[in-house]
Every structure is written in C-alpha cells, then in structure tokens.
Amino acid sequence: MPEQHKPGEIVKTSGIYKVVHESDSKAAFEVTCVEDEHFPPTRTGKSAVYELVHGATHSHKHSELGSGDK
C-alpha cells in the first residue's frame, strides 16, 4: 500500500499525488502538491488521502537549474 497523507499535513515531497476518497465511490484524481505546503482539504469535507504517484524536485531547488539571479 502506498504511503498516505491526510489534508493539512505538510508536503515533504513535491510531485503528482492521487487523491483517493475513503468513504465513497468518487473517482480518484491527480493533483500537483509542492514541498513545504499543506495538503489541501477537499471541498466536500469528506475524508480523503493523498498518495504520491511521481515525485519531482521543484525547479528552484534543482542543482542543474540556475536561480535566475544575475
């Protein structure tokens, strides 16, 4: 079973997350979540969990990309 995160927790890994509703048969969907931000609540307020599908380094933290400062 993939690691699951609840709304309100801090995102530790930027990437694409699948949002899975725990209590009903709503279809899962994917969203982008960014490191150090919070996993957002759902609009319905029903329980949902976030499962990392594909992690990615945020562009401003990647060693191969410039910071843009000149």
Protein backbone atom coordinates (compact mmCIF):
# COMPACT_ATOMS: atom_id res chain seq x y z
CA MET A 1 0.00 0.00 0.00
CA PRO A 2 1.42 3.43 -0.91
CA GLU A 3 2.20 5.94 1.82
CA GLN A 4 -0.87 8.06 2.54
CA HIS A 5 -1.13 11.65 3.69
CA LYS A 6 -4.12 13.50 5.10
CA PRO A 7 -5.31 17.03 4.33
CA GLY A 8 -3.50 19.58 6.49
CA GLU A 9 -0.23 17.64 6.68
CA ILE A 10 2.93 19.26 5.31
CA VAL A 11 4.03 18.02 1.87
CA LYS A 12 7.52 16.51 2.18
CA THR A 13 8.00 15.61 -1.49
CA SER A 14 6.86 17.77 -4.42
CA GLY A 15 5.11 15.82 -7.14
CA ILE A 16 1.92 14.38 -8.54
CA TYR A 17 -0.45 12.92 -5.94
CA LYS A 18 -3.55 10.79 -6.36
CA VAL A 19 -6.48 11.95 -4.23
CA VAL A 20 -8.49 8.98 -3.00
CA HIS A 21 -11.79 9.45 -1.16
CA GLU A 22 -12.01 6.98 1.72
CA SER A 23 -15.74 6.92 2.35
CA ASP A 24 -17.43 6.88 -1.05
CA SER A 25 -17.04 5.72 -4.61
CA LYS A 26 -15.90 9.04 -6.12
CA ALA A 27 -13.27 8.58 -8.76
CA ALA A 28 -9.69 9.28 -7.73
CA PHE A 29 -7.92 12.16 -9.47
CA GLU A 30 -4.39 13.57 -9.60
CA VAL A 31 -3.05 16.92 -8.41
CA THR A 32 0.31 18.64 -8.02
CA CYS A 33 1.47 19.31 -4.46
CA VAL A 34 4.57 21.34 -3.56
CA GLU A 35 7.08 20.64 -0.79
CA ASP A 36 6.58 22.64 2.43
CA GLU A 37 2.95 23.49 1.59
CA HIS A 38 -0.06 21.78 3.20
CA PHE A 39 -2.14 19.08 1.54
CA PRO A 40 -5.44 20.90 0.89
CA PRO A 41 -8.83 19.88 2.29
CA THR A 42 -11.49 18.56 -0.05
CA ARG A 43 -14.47 20.74 -0.94
CA THR A 44 -16.93 18.25 0.45
CA GLY A 45 -15.10 17.94 3.76
CA LYS A 46 -15.18 14.16 3.42
CA SER A 47 -12.14 12.08 4.27
CA ALA A 48 -9.56 11.78 1.54
CA VAL A 49 -5.94 10.73 1.39
CA TYR A 50 -3.08 11.74 -0.89
CA GLU A 51 -0.80 9.08 -2.41
CA LEU A 52 2.43 10.05 -4.19
CA VAL A 53 2.35 8.93 -7.84
CA HIS A 54 5.52 10.63 -9.09
CA GLY A 55 7.90 12.75 -7.02
CA ALA A 56 9.78 15.64 -8.61
CA THR A 57 12.29 18.23 -7.47
CA HIS A 58 10.85 21.74 -7.55
CA SER A 59 12.64 23.75 -10.27
CA HIS A 60 14.08 26.35 -7.90
CA LYS A 61 15.73 23.60 -5.84
CA HIS A 62 17.25 21.60 -8.71
CA SER A 63 21.06 21.79 -8.90
CA GLU A 64 21.09 21.80 -12.72
CA LEU A 65 18.90 24.89 -13.00
CA GLY A 66 20.02 28.43 -12.34
CA SER A 67 18.42 30.57 -9.69
CA GLY A 68 17.81 33.40 -12.17
CA ASP A 69 20.00 35.82 -10.20
CA LYS A 70 22.43 37.83 -12.28
